[in-house]
C-alpha cells in the first residue's frame, strides 16, 4: 500500500473539498467501495488526474461523480462513462497538512 498527496483543482468536489485542498490517498483496492472518493487517470485526457466520488461498481467498471450540486460543474461519468478499475490511482483517506 502506497500513500501519496493529491491536490484538488476546480470546484467539482465542492462542498466536500475546495480548490487547492491537499488530500492523502492510498493505493489500496480494499478501500475502493461505493461512496469512496478516488483519484484516477482521466479517460479522455492522459495528462489529467481526476478526483471524484464512486457512485457504483459493476463488473470492474466504476461510475464516478463530482459532489457539486450543479451537475454541469463536473466532468464525470455522465460525460465520459464508467471507468475501469485499472485507472484508479488511489482512494482519499484524509486531509493532508
C-alpha atoms as a PDB file:
ATOM      1  CA  UNK A   1       0.000   0.000   0.000  1.00  0.00           C
ATOM      2  CA  UNK A   2       1.441   3.310  -1.129  1.00  0.00           C
ATOM      3  CA  UNK A   3       0.469   6.802   0.089  1.00  0.00           C
ATOM      4  CA  UNK A   4       0.552   9.978  -1.978  1.00  0.00           C
ATOM      5  CA  UNK A   5      -0.831  13.532  -1.899  1.00  0.00           C
ATOM      6  CA  UNK A   6      -3.409  14.783  -4.417  1.00  0.00           C
ATOM      7  CA  UNK A   7      -4.326  18.453  -4.770  1.00  0.00           C
ATOM      8  CA  UNK A   8      -7.896  19.477  -5.662  1.00  0.00           C
ATOM      9  CA  UNK A   9      -8.181  21.562  -8.819  1.00  0.00           C
ATOM     10  CA  UNK A  10     -11.528  23.131  -9.640  1.00  0.00           C
ATOM     11  CA  UNK A  11     -14.819  23.035  -7.769  1.00  0.00           C
ATOM     12  CA  UNK A  12     -16.446  19.790  -8.913  1.00  0.00           C
ATOM     13  CA  UNK A  13     -15.991  18.245  -5.440  1.00  0.00           C
ATOM     14  CA  UNK A  14     -17.324  21.289  -3.543  1.00  0.00           C
ATOM     15  CA  UNK A  15     -18.605  21.434  -0.781  1.00  0.00           C
ATOM     16  CA  UNK A  16     -16.650  18.337   0.334  1.00  0.00           C
ATOM     17  CA  UNK A  17     -13.282  19.574  -0.942  1.00  0.00           C
ATOM     18  CA  UNK A  18     -12.135  23.016  -2.044  1.00  0.00           C
ATOM     19  CA  UNK A  19      -9.737  24.272  -4.718  1.00  0.00           C
ATOM     20  CA  UNK A  20      -6.136  23.751  -3.590  1.00  0.00           C
ATOM     21  CA  UNK A  21      -7.001  21.359  -0.758  1.00  0.00           C
ATOM     22  CA  UNK A  22      -4.405  18.615  -0.250  1.00  0.00           C
ATOM     23  CA  UNK A  23      -5.637  15.039   0.228  1.00  0.00           C
ATOM     24  CA  UNK A  24      -3.846  11.932   1.484  1.00  0.00           C
ATOM     25  CA  UNK A  25      -4.548   8.952  -0.774  1.00  0.00           C
ATOM     26  CA  UNK A  26      -3.753   5.241  -0.527  1.00  0.00           C
ATOM     27  CA  UNK A  27      -3.320   2.898  -3.463  1.00  0.00           C
ATOM     28  CA  UNK A  28      -5.383   0.092  -1.928  1.00  0.00           C
ATOM     29  CA  UNK A  29      -8.123  -1.817  -3.743  1.00  0.00           C
ATOM     30  CA  UNK A  30      -9.600  -2.791  -0.370  1.00  0.00           C
ATOM     31  CA  UNK A  31     -10.644   0.834   0.167  1.00  0.00           C
ATOM     32  CA  UNK A  32     -12.393   1.046  -3.216  1.00  0.00           C
ATOM     33  CA  UNK A  33     -16.082   0.995  -2.255  1.00  0.00           C
ATOM     34  CA  UNK A  34     -19.238   2.873  -3.195  1.00  0.00           C
ATOM     35  CA  UNK A  35     -19.093   6.281  -1.537  1.00  0.00           C
ATOM     36  CA  UNK A  36     -15.284   6.492  -1.530  1.00  0.00           C
ATOM     37  CA  UNK A  37     -13.536   9.455  -3.165  1.00  0.00           C
ATOM     38  CA  UNK A  38     -10.899   8.314  -5.645  1.00  0.00           C
ATOM     39  CA  UNK A  39      -8.070   9.715  -7.750  1.00  0.00           C
ATOM     40  CA  UNK A  40      -7.934   8.245 -11.240  1.00  0.00           C
ATOM     41  CA  UNK A  41      -6.439   8.743 -14.661  1.00  0.00           C
ATOM     42  CA  UNK A  42      -8.932  10.777 -16.727  1.00  0.00           C
ATOM     43  CA  UNK A  43     -10.121   8.539 -19.589  1.00  0.00           C
ATOM     44  CA  UNK A  44     -10.101  11.315 -22.213  1.00  0.00           C
ATOM     45  CA  UNK A  45      -7.119  13.414 -21.111  1.00  0.00           C
ATOM     46  CA  UNK A  46      -3.962  11.414 -20.425  1.00  0.00           C
ATOM     47  CA  UNK A  47      -2.247  14.318 -18.625  1.00  0.00           C
ATOM     48  CA  UNK A  48      -5.138  14.789 -16.172  1.00  0.00           C
ATOM     49  CA  UNK A  49      -5.769  13.010 -12.906  1.00  0.00           C
ATOM     50  CA  UNK A  50      -9.296  13.476 -11.561  1.00  0.00           C
ATOM     51  CA  UNK A  51     -10.873  13.297  -8.094  1.00  0.00           C
ATOM     52  CA  UNK A  52     -14.481  12.054  -7.892  1.00  0.00           C
ATOM     53  CA  UNK A  53     -16.843  10.033  -5.702  1.00  0.00           C
ATOM     54  CA  UNK A  54     -17.654   6.385  -6.523  1.00  0.00           C
ATOM     55  CA  UNK A  55     -21.387   6.009  -7.184  1.00  0.00           C
ATOM     56  CA  UNK A  56     -21.429   2.399  -8.357  1.00  0.00           C
ATOM     57  CA  UNK A  57     -19.116  -0.504  -9.099  1.00  0.00           C
ATOM     58  CA  UNK A  58     -20.279  -3.123 -11.598  1.00  0.00           C
ATOM     59  CA  UNK A  59     -18.149  -5.855 -13.181  1.00  0.00           C
ATOM     60  CA  UNK A  60     -14.883  -3.917 -12.560  1.00  0.00           C
ATOM     61  CA  UNK A  61     -16.372  -0.717 -14.066  1.00  0.00           C
ATOM     62  CA  UNK A  62     -16.828   2.333 -11.840  1.00  0.00           C
ATOM     63  CA  UNK A  63     -19.332   5.188 -12.208  1.00  0.00           C
ATOM     64  CA  UNK A  64     -17.979   8.410 -10.668  1.00  0.00           C
ATOM     65  CA  UNK A  65     -19.497  11.835  -9.982  1.00  0.00           C
ATOM     66  CA  UNK A  66     -18.426  15.141  -8.514  1.00  0.00           C
ATOM     67  CA  UNK A  67     -20.084  16.292  -5.280  1.00  0.00           C
ATOM     68  CA  UNK A  68     -21.020  19.767  -6.559  1.00  0.00           C
ATOM     69  CA  UNK A  69     -24.829  20.180  -6.561  1.00  0.00           C
ATOM     70  CA  UNK A  70     -24.718  21.713 -10.060  1.00  0.00           C
ATOM     71  CA  UNK A  71     -24.352  18.707 -12.385  1.00  0.00           C
ATOM     72  CA  UNK A  72     -22.807  20.854 -15.136  1.00  0.00           C
ATOM     73  CA  UNK A  73     -19.862  21.752 -12.880  1.00  0.00           C
ATOM     74  CA  UNK A  74     -18.281  18.295 -13.020  1.00  0.00           C
ATOM     75  CA  UNK A  75     -16.606  16.363 -15.809  1.00  0.00           C
ATOM     76  CA  UNK A  76     -17.501  12.849 -14.658  1.00  0.00           C
ATOM     77  CA  UNK A  77     -19.081   9.561 -15.760  1.00  0.00           C
ATOM     78  CA  UNK A  78     -22.084  11.480 -17.105  1.00  0.00           C
ATOM     79  CA  UNK A  79     -19.658  12.803 -19.736  1.00  0.00           C
ATOM     80  CA  UNK A  80     -17.115  10.019 -20.261  1.00  0.00           C
ATOM     81  CA  UNK A  81     -18.887   6.886 -18.997  1.00  0.00           C
ATOM     82  CA  UNK A  82     -17.714   4.321 -16.471  1.00  0.00           C
ATOM     83  CA  UNK A  83     -14.010   3.985 -15.805  1.00  0.00           C
ATOM     84  CA  UNK A  84     -12.054   0.718 -15.498  1.00  0.00           C
ATOM     85  CA  UNK A  85     -10.774  -0.291 -12.068  1.00  0.00           C
ATOM     86  CA  UNK A  86      -7.255  -0.236 -13.542  1.00  0.00           C
ATOM     87  CA  UNK A  87      -7.408   3.564 -13.962  1.00  0.00           C
ATOM     88  CA  UNK A  88      -7.818   4.121 -10.200  1.00  0.00           C
ATOM     89  CA  UNK A  89      -4.614   5.501  -8.675  1.00  0.00           C
ATOM     90  CA  UNK A  90      -5.798   5.762  -5.083  1.00  0.00           C
ATOM     91  CA  UNK A  91      -8.546   6.342  -2.542  1.00  0.00           C
ATOM     92  CA  UNK A  92      -8.737   9.517  -0.433  1.00  0.00           C
ATOM     93  CA  UNK A  93      -8.228   8.647   3.243  1.00  0.00           C
ATOM     94  CA  UNK A  94      -7.626  12.026   4.915  1.00  0.00           C
ATOM     95  CA  UNK A  95      -6.835  15.721   4.550  1.00  0.00           C
ATOM     96  CA  UNK A  96      -3.138  16.468   4.237  1.00  0.00           C
ATOM     97  CA  UNK A  97      -1.492  19.062   6.480  1.00  0.00           C
END
